[in-house]
Amino acid sequence: MHMLGPRVKIQKATPLDKFVVLLEFADGTKKEVDLEPFLHGPIFAPIRDNHDFFRKLSIEGGTIAWPNGADMDPDVLYYNLTPAWMEETEPV
């Protein structure tokens, strides 16, 4: 298991090109992250299929969220973790 540091919160997210966002975390860290690999599953379909909808992202509770209820774990984005759904689908 990957050892994590403290829990993180996103303070600001600025959409850039395609599915790339500039994330600003509460500790002052800034990262450009391509969210496309994380847009998996039916909840993310409207986000993948409509760039205008993708750009409606906001910050709720320290993470990125969209009007349809989709959100992303800030720890995954900060620590470059593999989301649980990716681990479940990888061959053994």
PDB file of N, CA and C in Angstrom:
ATOM      1  N   MET A   1       0.833  -1.180   0.000  1.00  0.00           N
ATOM      2  CA  MET A   1       0.000   0.000   0.000  1.00  0.00           C
ATOM      3  C   MET A   1       0.877   1.242   0.000  1.00  0.00           C
ATOM      4  N   HIS A   2       0.448   2.241  -0.733  1.00  0.00           N
ATOM      5  CA  HIS A   2       1.171   3.498  -0.864  1.00  0.00           C
ATOM      6  C   HIS A   2       0.984   4.338   0.394  1.00  0.00           C
ATOM      7  N   MET A   3       2.080   4.816   0.976  1.00  0.00           N
ATOM      8  CA  MET A   3       1.996   5.665   2.161  1.00  0.00           C
ATOM      9  C   MET A   3       1.721   7.101   1.731  1.00  0.00           C
ATOM     10  N   LEU A   4       0.686   7.675   2.295  1.00  0.00           N
ATOM     11  CA  LEU A   4       0.303   9.035   1.959  1.00  0.00           C
ATOM     12  C   LEU A   4       0.758  10.001   3.030  1.00  0.00           C
ATOM     13  N   GLY A   5       0.899  11.238   2.624  1.00  0.00           N
ATOM     14  CA  GLY A   5       1.121  12.303   3.579  1.00  0.00           C
ATOM     15  C   GLY A   5      -0.240  12.749   4.091  1.00  0.00           C
ATOM     16  N   PRO A   6      -0.328  13.976   4.546  1.00  0.00           N
ATOM     17  CA  PRO A   6      -1.609  14.474   5.056  1.00  0.00           C
ATOM     18  C   PRO A   6      -2.666  14.563   3.965  1.00  0.00           C
ATOM     19  N   ARG A   7      -3.922  14.488   4.364  1.00  0.00           N
ATOM     20  CA  ARG A   7      -5.029  14.668   3.415  1.00  0.00           C
ATOM     21  C   ARG A   7      -4.913  16.056   2.815  1.00  0.00           C
ATOM     22  N   VAL A   8      -5.256  16.175   1.555  1.00  0.00           N
ATOM     23  CA  VAL A   8      -5.122  17.458   0.865  1.00  0.00           C
ATOM     24  C   VAL A   8      -6.487  17.958   0.412  1.00  0.00           C
ATOM     25  N   LYS A   9      -6.540  19.249   0.155  1.00  0.00           N
ATOM     26  CA  LYS A   9      -7.750  19.867  -0.387  1.00  0.00           C
ATOM     27  C   LYS A   9      -7.351  20.750  -1.550  1.00  0.00           C
ATOM     28  N   ILE A  10      -8.198  20.759  -2.545  1.00  0.00           N
ATOM     29  CA  ILE A  10      -8.005  21.638  -3.691  1.00  0.00           C
ATOM     30  C   ILE A  10      -8.695  22.963  -3.367  1.00  0.00           C
ATOM     31  N   GLN A  11      -7.983  24.064  -3.595  1.00  0.00           N
ATOM     32  CA  GLN A  11      -8.564  25.380  -3.365  1.00  0.00           C
ATOM     33  C   GLN A  11      -9.077  26.006  -4.655  1.00  0.00           C
ATOM     34  N   LYS A  12      -8.410  25.682  -5.764  1.00  0.00           N
ATOM     35  CA  LYS A  12      -8.777  26.306  -7.033  1.00  0.00           C
ATOM     36  C   LYS A  12      -8.445  25.348  -8.161  1.00  0.00           C
ATOM     37  N   ALA A  13      -9.293  25.317  -9.185  1.00  0.00           N
ATOM     38  CA  ALA A  13      -9.054  24.508 -10.378  1.00  0.00           C
ATOM     39  C   ALA A  13      -9.399  25.367 -11.597  1.00  0.00           C
ATOM     40  N   THR A  14      -8.441  25.497 -12.485  1.00  0.00           N
ATOM     41  CA  THR A  14      -8.621  26.301 -13.686  1.00  0.00           C
ATOM     42  C   THR A  14      -8.510  25.396 -14.909  1.00  0.00           C
ATOM     43  N   PRO A  15      -9.593  25.247 -15.687  1.00  0.00           N
ATOM     44  CA  PRO A  15      -9.499  24.443 -16.910  1.00  0.00           C
ATOM     45  C   PRO A  15      -8.530  25.084 -17.897  1.00  0.00           C
ATOM     46  N   LEU A  16      -7.684  24.280 -18.498  1.00  0.00           N
ATOM     47  CA  LEU A  16      -6.737  24.760 -19.501  1.00  0.00           C
ATOM     48  C   LEU A  16      -7.162  24.215 -20.862  1.00  0.00           C
ATOM     49  N   ASP A  17      -6.341  23.368 -21.467  1.00  0.00           N
ATOM     50  CA  ASP A  17      -6.621  22.813 -22.786  1.00  0.00           C
ATOM     51  C   ASP A  17      -7.157  21.392 -22.661  1.00  0.00           C
ATOM     52  N   LYS A  18      -8.159  21.050 -23.458  1.00  0.00           N
ATOM     53  CA  LYS A  18      -8.788  19.727 -23.446  1.00  0.00           C
ATOM     54  C   LYS A  18      -9.245  19.383 -22.035  1.00  0.00           C
ATOM     55  N   PHE A  19      -8.698  18.317 -21.428  1.00  0.00           N
ATOM     56  CA  PHE A  19      -9.105  17.904 -20.086  1.00  0.00           C
ATOM     57  C   PHE A  19      -8.042  18.229 -19.034  1.00  0.00           C
ATOM     58  N   VAL A  20      -7.132  19.114 -19.364  1.00  0.00           N
ATOM     59  CA  VAL A  20      -6.072  19.508 -18.437  1.00  0.00           C
ATOM     60  C   VAL A  20      -6.567  20.655 -17.567  1.00  0.00           C
ATOM     61  N   VAL A  21      -6.272  20.548 -16.261  1.00  0.00           N
ATOM     62  CA  VAL A  21      -6.624  21.621 -15.325  1.00  0.00           C
ATOM     63  C   VAL A  21      -5.383  21.992 -14.512  1.00  0.00           C
ATOM     64  N   LEU A  22      -5.330  23.251 -14.127  1.00  0.00           N
ATOM     65  CA  LEU A  22      -4.324  23.713 -13.190  1.00  0.00           C
ATOM     66  C   LEU A  22      -4.961  23.653 -11.812  1.00  0.00           C
ATOM     67  N   LEU A  23      -4.414  22.819 -10.951  1.00  0.00           N
ATOM     68  CA  LEU A  23      -4.935  22.649  -9.602  1.00  0.00           C
ATOM     69  C   LEU A  23      -4.056  23.399  -8.620  1.00  0.00           C
ATOM     70  N   GLU A  24      -4.701  24.108  -7.685  1.00  0.00           N
ATOM     71  CA  GLU A  24      -3.988  24.763  -6.594  1.00  0.00           C
ATOM     72  C   GLU A  24      -4.498  24.152  -5.304  1.00  0.00           C
ATOM     73  N   PHE A  25      -3.572  23.539  -4.563  1.00  0.00           N
ATOM     74  CA  PHE A  25      -3.914  22.844  -3.334  1.00  0.00           C
ATOM     75  C   PHE A  25      -3.737  23.766  -2.131  1.00  0.00           C
ATOM     76  N   ALA A  26      -4.362  23.408  -1.030  1.00  0.00           N
ATOM     77  CA  ALA A  26      -4.341  24.230   0.181  1.00  0.00           C
ATOM     78  C   ALA A  26      -2.932  24.456   0.723  1.00  0.00           C
ATOM     79  N   ASP A  27      -1.998  23.533   0.435  1.00  0.00           N
ATOM     80  CA  ASP A  27      -0.626  23.703   0.926  1.00  0.00           C
ATOM     81  C   ASP A  27       0.233  24.569   0.012  1.00  0.00           C
ATOM     82  N   GLY A  28      -0.377  25.131  -1.041  1.00  0.00           N
ATOM     83  CA  GLY A  28       0.345  25.993  -1.969  1.00  0.00           C
ATOM     84  C   GLY A  28       0.870  25.294  -3.205  1.00  0.00           C
ATOM     85  N   THR A  29       0.804  23.973  -3.247  1.00  0.00           N
ATOM     86  CA  THR A  29       1.257  23.213  -4.415  1.00  0.00           C
ATOM     87  C   THR A  29       0.350  23.494  -5.602  1.00  0.00           C
ATOM     88  N   LYS A  30       0.958  23.668  -6.776  1.00  0.00           N
ATOM     89  CA  LYS A  30       0.216  23.833  -8.028  1.00  0.00           C
ATOM     90  C   LYS A  30       0.650  22.722  -8.969  1.00  0.00           C
ATOM     91  N   LYS A  31      -0.335  22.106  -9.629  1.00  0.00           N
ATOM     92  CA  LYS A  31      -0.055  21.011 -10.558  1.00  0.00           C
ATOM     93  C   LYS A  31      -0.976  21.119 -11.756  1.00  0.00           C
ATOM     94  N   GLU A  32      -0.432  20.876 -12.941  1.00  0.00           N
ATOM     95  CA  GLU A  32      -1.259  20.681 -14.123  1.00  0.00           C
ATOM     96  C   GLU A  32      -1.534  19.193 -14.226  1.00  0.00           C
ATOM     97  N   VAL A  33      -2.808  18.833 -14.311  1.00  0.00           N
ATOM     98  CA  VAL A  33      -3.198  17.425 -14.343  1.00  0.00           C
ATOM     99  C   VAL A  33      -4.150  17.201 -15.514  1.00  0.00           C
ATOM    100  N   ASP A  34      -3.868  16.165 -16.302  1.00  0.00           N
ATOM    101  CA  ASP A  34      -4.783  15.744 -17.361  1.00  0.00           C
ATOM    102  C   ASP A  34      -5.806  14.812 -16.719  1.00  0.00           C
ATOM    103  N   LEU A  35      -7.048  15.256 -16.654  1.00  0.00           N
ATOM    104  CA  LEU A  35      -8.091  14.473 -16.003  1.00  0.00           C
ATOM    105  C   LEU A  35      -8.706  13.409 -16.907  1.00  0.00           C
ATOM    106  N   GLU A  36      -8.394  13.417 -18.195  1.00  0.00           N
ATOM    107  CA  GLU A  36      -9.032  12.478 -19.123  1.00  0.00           C
ATOM    108  C   GLU A  36      -8.944  11.016 -18.658  1.00  0.00           C
ATOM    109  N   PRO A  37      -7.793  10.532 -18.181  1.00  0.00           N
ATOM    110  CA  PRO A  37      -7.742   9.125 -17.747  1.00  0.00           C
ATOM    111  C   PRO A  37      -8.645   8.817 -16.554  1.00  0.00           C
ATOM    112  N   PHE A  38      -9.070   9.835 -15.818  1.00  0.00           N
ATOM    113  CA  PHE A  38      -9.897   9.637 -14.636  1.00  0.00           C
ATOM    114  C   PHE A  38     -11.400   9.738 -14.931  1.00  0.00           C
ATOM    115  N   LEU A  39     -11.739  10.156 -16.148  1.00  0.00           N
ATOM    116  CA  LEU A  39     -13.152  10.365 -16.508  1.00  0.00           C
ATOM    117  C   LEU A  39     -13.771   9.052 -16.965  1.00  0.00           C
ATOM    118  N   HIS A  40     -13.881   8.121 -16.041  1.00  0.00           N
ATOM    119  CA  HIS A  40     -14.320   6.756 -16.322  1.00  0.00           C
ATOM    120  C   HIS A  40     -15.688   6.512 -15.689  1.00  0.00           C
ATOM    121  N   GLY A  41     -16.533   5.803 -16.403  1.00  0.00           N
ATOM    122  CA  GLY A  41     -17.830   5.427 -15.859  1.00  0.00           C
ATOM    123  C   GLY A  41     -18.941   6.359 -16.308  1.00  0.00           C
ATOM    124  N   PRO A  42     -20.186   5.927 -16.104  1.00  0.00           N
ATOM    125  CA  PRO A  42     -21.345   6.674 -16.596  1.00  0.00           C
ATOM    126  C   PRO A  42     -21.486   8.074 -16.004  1.00  0.00           C
ATOM    127  N   ILE A  43     -21.074   8.281 -14.754  1.00  0.00           N
ATOM    128  CA  ILE A  43     -21.220   9.611 -14.152  1.00  0.00           C
ATOM    129  C   ILE A  43     -20.364  10.648 -14.878  1.00  0.00           C
ATOM    130  N   PHE A  44     -19.260  10.185 -15.484  1.00  0.00           N
ATOM    131  CA  PHE A  44     -18.364  11.106 -16.184  1.00  0.00           C
ATOM    132  C   PHE A  44     -18.683  11.247 -17.673  1.00  0.00           C
ATOM    133  N   ALA A  45     -19.660  10.487 -18.206  1.00  0.00           N
ATOM    134  CA  ALA A  45     -19.994  10.554 -19.634  1.00  0.00           C
ATOM    135  C   ALA A  45     -20.324  11.974 -20.096  1.00  0.00           C
ATOM    136  N   PRO A  46     -21.184  12.721 -19.389  1.00  0.00           N
ATOM    137  CA  PRO A  46     -21.482  14.083 -19.860  1.00  0.00           C
ATOM    138  C   PRO A  46     -20.255  14.996 -19.830  1.00  0.00           C
ATOM    139  N   ILE A  47     -19.327  14.709 -18.950  1.00  0.00           N
ATOM    140  CA  ILE A  47     -18.112  15.515 -18.827  1.00  0.00           C
ATOM    141  C   ILE A  47     -17.157  15.198 -19.973  1.00  0.00           C
ATOM    142  N   ARG A  48     -17.021  13.901 -20.302  1.00  0.00           N
ATOM    143  CA  ARG A  48     -16.170  13.486 -21.425  1.00  0.00           C
ATOM    144  C   ARG A  48     -16.720  13.975 -22.755  1.00  0.00           C
ATOM    145  N   ASP A  49     -18.051  13.963 -22.870  1.00  0.00           N
ATOM    146  CA  ASP A  49     -18.690  14.222 -24.161  1.00  0.00           C
ATOM    147  C   ASP A  49     -18.950  15.691 -24.456  1.00  0.00           C
ATOM    148  N   ASN A  50     -18.798  16.563 -23.467  1.00  0.00           N
ATOM    149  CA  ASN A  50     -19.158  17.963 -23.656  1.00  0.00           C
ATOM    150  C   ASN A  50     -18.140  18.847 -22.930  1.00  0.00           C
ATOM    151  N   HIS A  51     -17.265  19.478 -23.726  1.00  0.00           N
ATOM    152  CA  HIS A  51     -16.222  20.316 -23.113  1.00  0.00           C
ATOM    153  C   HIS A  51     -16.801  21.488 -22.333  1.00  0.00           C
ATOM    154  N   ASP A  52     -17.935  22.020 -22.773  1.00  0.00           N
ATOM    155  CA  ASP A  52     -18.556  23.112 -22.013  1.00  0.00           C
ATOM    156  C   ASP A  52     -18.973  22.620 -20.631  1.00  0.00           C
ATOM    157  N   PHE A  53     -19.493  21.407 -20.557  1.00  0.00           N
ATOM    158  CA  PHE A  53     -19.870  20.834 -19.256  1.00  0.00           C
ATOM    159  C   PHE A  53     -18.621  20.573 -18.413  1.00  0.00           C
ATOM    160  N   PHE A  54     -17.568  20.050 -19.040  1.00  0.00           N
ATOM    161  CA  PHE A  54     -16.306  19.823 -18.319  1.00  0.00           C
ATOM    162  C   PHE A  54     -15.833  21.107 -17.647  1.00  0.00           C
ATOM    163  N   ARG A  55     -15.940  22.226 -18.362  1.00  0.00           N
ATOM    164  CA  ARG A  55     -15.454  23.509 -17.862  1.00  0.00           C
ATOM    165  C   ARG A  55     -16.336  24.084 -16.744  1.00  0.00           C
ATOM    166  N   LYS A  56     -17.447  23.431 -16.430  1.00  0.00           N
ATOM    167  CA  LYS A  56     -18.310  23.873 -15.333  1.00  0.00           C
ATOM    168  C   LYS A  56     -17.848  23.323 -13.986  1.00  0.00           C
ATOM    169  N   LEU A  57     -16.630  22.787 -13.947  1.00  0.00           N
ATOM    170  CA  LEU A  57     -16.121  22.241 -12.695  1.00  0.00           C
ATOM    171  C   LEU A  57     -16.062  23.330 -11.628  1.00  0.00           C
ATOM    172  N   SER A  58     -16.210  22.902 -10.390  1.00  0.00           N
ATOM    173  CA  SER A  58     -16.124  23.813  -9.247  1.00  0.00           C
ATOM    174  C   SER A  58     -15.418  23.081  -8.111  1.00  0.00           C
ATOM    175  N   ILE A  59     -15.183  23.789  -7.036  1.00  0.00           N
ATOM    176  CA  ILE A  59     -14.575  23.180  -5.864  1.00  0.00           C
ATOM    177  C   ILE A  59     -15.650  23.033  -4.792  1.00  0.00           C
ATOM    178  N   GLU A  60     -15.846  21.807  -4.329  1.00  0.00           N
ATOM    179  CA  GLU A  60     -16.813  21.517  -3.260  1.00  0.00           C
ATOM    180  C   GLU A  60     -16.137  20.603  -2.253  1.00  0.00           C
ATOM    181  N   GLY A  61     -16.064  21.038  -1.030  1.00  0.00           N
ATOM    182  CA  GLY A  61     -15.464  20.208   0.016  1.00  0.00           C
ATOM    183  C   GLY A  61     -14.004  19.882  -0.225  1.00  0.00           C
ATOM    184  N   GLY A  62     -13.296  20.743  -0.926  1.00  0.00           N
ATOM    185  CA  GLY A  62     -11.869  20.534  -1.164  1.00  0.00           C
ATOM    186  C   GLY A  62     -11.539  19.645  -2.339  1.00  0.00           C
ATOM    187  N   THR A  63     -12.528  19.352  -3.181  1.00  0.00           N
ATOM    188  CA  THR A  63     -12.271  18.529  -4.354  1.00  0.00           C
ATOM    189  C   THR A  63     -12.966  19.119  -5.581  1.00  0.00           C
ATOM    190  N   ILE A  64     -12.613  18.613  -6.753  1.00  0.00           N
ATOM    191  CA  ILE A  64     -13.254  19.037  -8.001  1.00  0.00           C
ATOM    192  C   ILE A  64     -14.610  18.347  -8.103  1.00  0.00           C
ATOM    193  N   ALA A  65     -15.620  19.104  -8.481  1.00  0.00           N
ATOM    194  CA  ALA A  65     -16.962  18.538  -8.646  1.00  0.00           C
ATOM    195  C   ALA A  65     -17.629  19.183  -9.857  1.00  0.00           C
ATOM    196  N   TRP A  66     -18.648  18.488 -10.380  1.00  0.00           N
ATOM    197  CA  TRP A  66     -19.427  18.980 -11.512  1.00  0.00           C
ATOM    198  C   TRP A  66     -20.900  19.007 -11.120  1.00  0.00           C
ATOM    199  N   PRO A  67     -21.722  19.764 -11.870  1.00  0.00           N
ATOM    200  CA  PRO A  67     -23.143  19.904 -11.532  1.00  0.00           C
ATOM    201  C   PRO A  67     -23.929  18.589 -11.500  1.00  0.00           C
ATOM    202  N   ASN A  68     -23.442  17.540 -12.159  1.00  0.00           N
ATOM    203  CA  ASN A  68     -24.174  16.263 -12.175  1.00  0.00           C
ATOM    204  C   ASN A  68     -23.836  15.374 -10.983  1.00  0.00           C
ATOM    205  N   GLY A  69     -23.012  15.853 -10.039  1.00  0.00           N
ATOM    206  CA  GLY A  69     -22.664  15.074  -8.859  1.00  0.00           C
ATOM    207  C   GLY A  69     -21.333  14.342  -8.955  1.00  0.00           C
ATOM    208  N   ALA A  70     -20.685  14.363 -10.105  1.00  0.00           N
ATOM    209  CA  ALA A  70     -19.375  13.729 -10.259  1.00  0.00           C
ATOM    210  C   ALA A  70     -18.332  14.527  -9.491  1.00  0.00           C
ATOM    211  N   ASP A  71     -17.358  13.809  -8.922  1.00  0.00           N
ATOM    212  CA  ASP A  71     -16.245  14.487  -8.261  1.00  0.00           C
ATOM    213  C   ASP A  71     -15.012  13.593  -8.322  1.00  0.00           C
ATOM    214  N   MET A  72     -13.877  14.141  -7.877  1.00  0.00           N
ATOM    215  CA  MET A  72     -12.618  13.394  -7.901  1.00  0.00           C
ATOM    216  C   MET A  72     -11.923  13.529  -6.564  1.00  0.00           C
ATOM    217  N   ASP A  73     -11.302  12.451  -6.138  1.00  0.00           N
ATOM    218  CA  ASP A  73     -10.569  12.422  -4.882  1.00  0.00           C
ATOM    219  C   ASP A  73      -9.310  13.285  -5.017  1.00  0.00           C
ATOM    220  N   PRO A  74      -9.163  14.334  -4.216  1.00  0.00           N
ATOM    221  CA  PRO A  74      -7.981  15.186  -4.339  1.00  0.00           C
ATOM    222  C   PRO A  74      -6.677  14.454  -4.006  1.00  0.00           C
ATOM    223  N   ASP A  75      -6.737  13.436  -3.131  1.00  0.00           N
ATOM    224  CA  ASP A  75      -5.528  12.670  -2.811  1.00  0.00           C
ATOM    225  C   ASP A  75      -4.999  11.943  -4.042  1.00  0.00           C
ATOM    226  N   VAL A  76      -5.891  11.406  -4.867  1.00  0.00           N
ATOM    227  CA  VAL A  76      -5.489  10.720  -6.098  1.00  0.00           C
ATOM    228  C   VAL A  76      -4.733  11.686  -7.005  1.00  0.00           C
ATOM    229  N   LEU A  77      -5.247  12.907  -7.135  1.00  0.00           N
ATOM    230  CA  LEU A  77      -4.632  13.893  -8.021  1.00  0.00           C
ATOM    231  C   LEU A  77      -3.323  14.439  -7.450  1.00  0.00           C
ATOM    232  N   TYR A  78      -3.265  14.647  -6.163  1.00  0.00           N
ATOM    233  CA  TYR A  78      -2.085  15.223  -5.520  1.00  0.00           C
ATOM    234  C   TYR A  78      -0.928  14.227  -5.460  1.00  0.00           C
ATOM    235  N   TYR A  79      -1.246  12.997  -5.040  1.00  0.00           N
ATOM    236  CA  TYR A  79      -0.206  11.987  -4.837  1.00  0.00           C
ATOM    237  C   TYR A  79       0.011  11.071  -6.043  1.00  0.00           C
ATOM    238  N   ASN A  80      -0.662  11.373  -7.174  1.00  0.00           N
ATOM    239  CA  ASN A  80      -0.540  10.553  -8.388  1.00  0.00           C
ATOM    240  C   ASN A  80      -0.877   9.092  -8.114  1.00  0.00           C
ATOM    241  N   LEU A  81      -1.979   8.872  -7.423  1.00  0.00           N
ATOM    242  CA  LEU A  81      -2.415   7.518  -7.077  1.00  0.00           C
ATOM    243  C   LEU A  81      -3.230   6.905  -8.213  1.00  0.00           C
ATOM    244  N   THR A  82      -3.354   5.603  -8.184  1.00  0.00           N
ATOM    245  CA  THR A  82      -4.231   4.900  -9.107  1.00  0.00           C
ATOM    246  C   THR A  82      -5.610   4.812  -8.451  1.00  0.00           C
ATOM    247  N   PRO A  83      -6.659   5.318  -9.134  1.00  0.00           N
ATOM    248  CA  PRO A  83      -7.997   5.213  -8.557  1.00  0.00           C
ATOM    249  C   PRO A  83      -8.386   3.749  -8.333  1.00  0.00           C
ATOM    250  N   ALA A  84      -9.233   3.522  -7.352  1.00  0.00           N
ATOM    251  CA  ALA A  84      -9.650   2.159  -7.002  1.00  0.00           C
ATOM    252  C   ALA A  84     -10.239   1.425  -8.202  1.00  0.00           C
ATOM    253  N   TRP A  85     -11.041   2.105  -9.030  1.00  0.00           N
ATOM    254  CA  TRP A  85     -11.655   1.422 -10.168  1.00  0.00           C
ATOM    255  C   TRP A  85     -10.600   0.933 -11.161  1.00  0.00           C
ATOM    256  N   MET A  86      -9.462   1.636 -11.285  1.00  0.00           N
ATOM    257  CA  MET A  86      -8.399   1.174 -12.182  1.00  0.00           C
ATOM    258  C   MET A  86      -7.735  -0.074 -11.608  1.00  0.00           C
ATOM    259  N   GLU A  87      -7.521  -0.112 -10.301  1.00  0.00           N
ATOM    260  CA  GLU A  87      -6.909  -1.259  -9.662  1.00  0.00           C
ATOM    261  C   GLU A  87      -7.791  -2.497  -9.778  1.00  0.00           C
ATOM    262  N   GLU A  88      -9.105  -2.321  -9.710  1.00  0.00           N
ATOM    263  CA  GLU A  88     -10.037  -3.438  -9.795  1.00  0.00           C
ATOM    264  C   GLU A  88     -10.090  -4.056 -11.183  1.00  0.00           C
ATOM    265  N   THR A  89      -9.786  -3.259 -12.238  1.00  0.00           N
ATOM    266  CA  THR A  89      -9.913  -3.774 -13.601  1.00  0.00           C
ATOM    267  C   THR A  89      -8.594  -4.255 -14.178  1.00  0.00           C
ATOM    268  N   GLU A  90      -7.484  -4.041 -13.481  1.00  0.00           N
ATOM    269  CA  GLU A  90      -6.189  -4.495 -13.986  1.00  0.00           C
ATOM    270  C   GLU A  90      -6.092  -6.012 -13.867  1.00  0.00           C
ATOM    271  N   PRO A  91      -5.540  -6.671 -14.906  1.00  0.00           N
ATOM    272  CA  PRO A  91      -5.373  -8.127 -14.831  1.00  0.00           C
ATOM    273  C   PRO A  91      -4.402  -8.506 -13.721  1.00  0.00           C
ATOM    274  N   VAL A  92      -4.641  -9.660 -13.130  1.00  0.00           N
ATOM    275  CA  VAL A  92      -3.793 -10.147 -12.028  1.00  0.00           C
ATOM    276  C   VAL A  92      -2.614 -10.899 -12.565  1.00  0.00           C
TER     277      VAL A  92
END
